[in-house]
Amino acid sequence: MVSLPHPSVLHGAVSAPCLCCRKGKDQFDNLEKHTQWGIDVLEKYIKFVKERTEIELSYAKQLRNLSKKYQPKKNSKEEEEYRYTSTRAFLATLNEMNDYAGQHEVISENMTSLITGELTRYVQELKQERKSHFHDGRKAQQHIETCWKQLEASKRRFERDCKEADRAQQYFEKMDADINVTKADVEKARQQAQLRHQMAEDSKAEYSSTLQKFNSEQHEHYYTHIPNIFQKIQEMEERRIVRIGESMKTFAEVDRQVIPIIGKCLDEITKAAESVDHKNDSQMVIEAFKSGFEPPGDVDFEDFTQPMKRTVSESSLSNSRGDGKSEPKFGSKSKGKLWPFIKKNKPPPPPPASASPSAVPNGPQSPKQQKEPLSHRFNEFMTSKPKIHCFRSLKRGLSLKLGAGPEDFSNLPPEQRRKKLQQKVDELNRDIQKEMDSRDALTKMKDVYIKNPQMGDAASVDHRLAELGQNIEKLRLEVQKFEGWLAEVEGRLPARTEQPRRQSGVYEAQNPSGVNSCAQDRESPDGSYTEEQSQETEMKVPATDFDDEFDDEEPLPTIGTCKALYTFEGQNEGTISVAEGEMLYVIEEDKGDGWTRIRRNEDEEGYVPTSYVEVYLDKNAKDVHKPLQKISE
């Protein structure tokens, strides 16, 4: 009979793997928790960077709003104040703060693209990789557990067959020893015992085969599959750690990249602050408010010891007053109005219309007034003009107080009036140039339509050409009018004429009409200097044949070159098409409307958007927009 090992001997050989499986499963659980914690850390860092970018954007927006808030408004009084070096330095500071805000926007954009976006994609990839590794680990763990269960089943079957074979052998031996049992029963018991022994042998062989297979799978599991999975998980975790370190380095590099540009912004602010010139600003104030008046001469001595005897100056004054015109007391010029720095007297109430000097040209002499021997001292500052209705002076004074002013700026001192008139003439000349440019562009377009009728109707632009011609003619008339006033003012400025001489009383007596000037009517009731022109003394400005002049005008000279940054299809009137990279000539700078006038050759010129070209101006180029020649006296 074959002796079989007791199943308890094999139990210890197969009980140890069960504990290892449980420990392996525990390790996977620990690794799963740790890798999930690593992903949470990465997501927390992404959230931190995202909040930092939001702070940078908010800060940049606040800086831009601050810069915009203090920028001067166009066509306002604030814009005029920025001609001083101190205010220009402040404007430069505002512009640099705008650029400074732009660098913070760059920081936000770079952090979003290089850190937040990249890490977000990496986290998704990391989650997929982690899921794959732990799926493989669980699959291997389930396989080894399945093999273990098969081994346990084979072992239990072998143990059961061994016990049944042992019981069958004991029953056969008992039947064989019993003399009362028939031989057939003994033979039957022997066959049963042999059958059980054969089943036990088969179970043993199966168990042995399953055990060998399990040992092979277990060795492969613990020495190949699991180590490979753990190695992949380890590499994944190391890549995560390296990636977060690189992101932190990028976080610092993004800030470091904009430091030089921020430094340039601060250097420009410092440079603007150093450009402040107090002497220049003071001189500009002097030039802005210079009146052009000459200081008054010495005051004559008036002898009051002989009250009944009229002085020569008083006689000359009375003669001038009695020379056919009576002047009311409120219209006379007091001593307080001879010099702009002397305190002005309060203006008297307006007179009735009938009190006008023009209403009583030959009336009686005015009552005796306060002596005014100095009333003639502005005589050489002005030309002789008829007297103006006092109510007009009062009306002008009220209009000045309400913010309005005369068209010829006669409410201003001579020097200020000359500057204003010159500015007006230059402005009108620029408007004429614009209108002429538009007319030239329309004329060229009309020629194109005539040559190519399929492109458009040539008659459709005639109405616009007529309007432009009318506008140009009106502007030319305006220029003639303002140049006439300008020529008059330039002829009257003390700095441009002979120095005024102190006139004696004898000279006044010989020239009584010279004292009877309109000096008193040249001041409005609020004390401001005024000038009025009558129809008799209005300067006659000769007409100029502008049509012939502009028809034969030479093309504008070039003031620089430019390079086309982008391709522009000039489809509107007055524009010109350019190709990217093309070099052209600049003949007119951008005047604030966003368009630059360029020329390709003698026959092709037009406007292009300023943002489409990079302009290189010639520093030696002369200004091509010269004002019209002033009419000489």
Foldseek 3Di string as FASTA:
>chain_A
DDDDDALVVCPVVQPVVVVVLVVLVVVLVVLVVVLVVLLVVLVVVLVVLLVLLVVLLVVLVVLLVVLVVPDDDPPDPVVVVCPALVNVLVNLLSVLSNVVSVLSNLLSVCLCVVPNVVSVVVSVVLVVLVVVLSVLVVVLSVVLVVLSVVLVVLSVQLNVLSVQLVVLVVVLVVLVPDPVHDPVVSVVSVVSSVVSVVSNVVSVVVSVVSVVVSVVSVCCSVPPRVVVSVVSSVVSSVVSVVSVVVSVVVNVVSVVVCVVVNVVSVVSSVVSVVSRDPVVNVVVVCLQQPQLDDDDDDDDDDDCPPVVDDDLLQVLQQVLCQPQWEADPQLADAPQLPDVVRDDDQRDDDDDQCRFRVNRRRDGYDPDDDDDSPRQRCLLLDDFDDADGLVVLQVQVVCVVVPDHDPQNQLGRLSNSLVVLVVVLLVLLVVLVVLVLLLVLLVVVLVVCVVPVVVDDSVVCPVVNVVSVVVNVVSVVVNLQSLQSNQNSCVNRCVNDPHDDDDDSVVSNVPSNSSNGNQSSQARSVSTGGDDDDPVPRDDGDDDPVVVVVVPDDDADFFFKKFFCAWDDPPDGQADTDHHGDMWTFRACDPPPQWTWTAHDPVDIGIDGPVRIGTDGDPPDDDRSDGDDRDHD
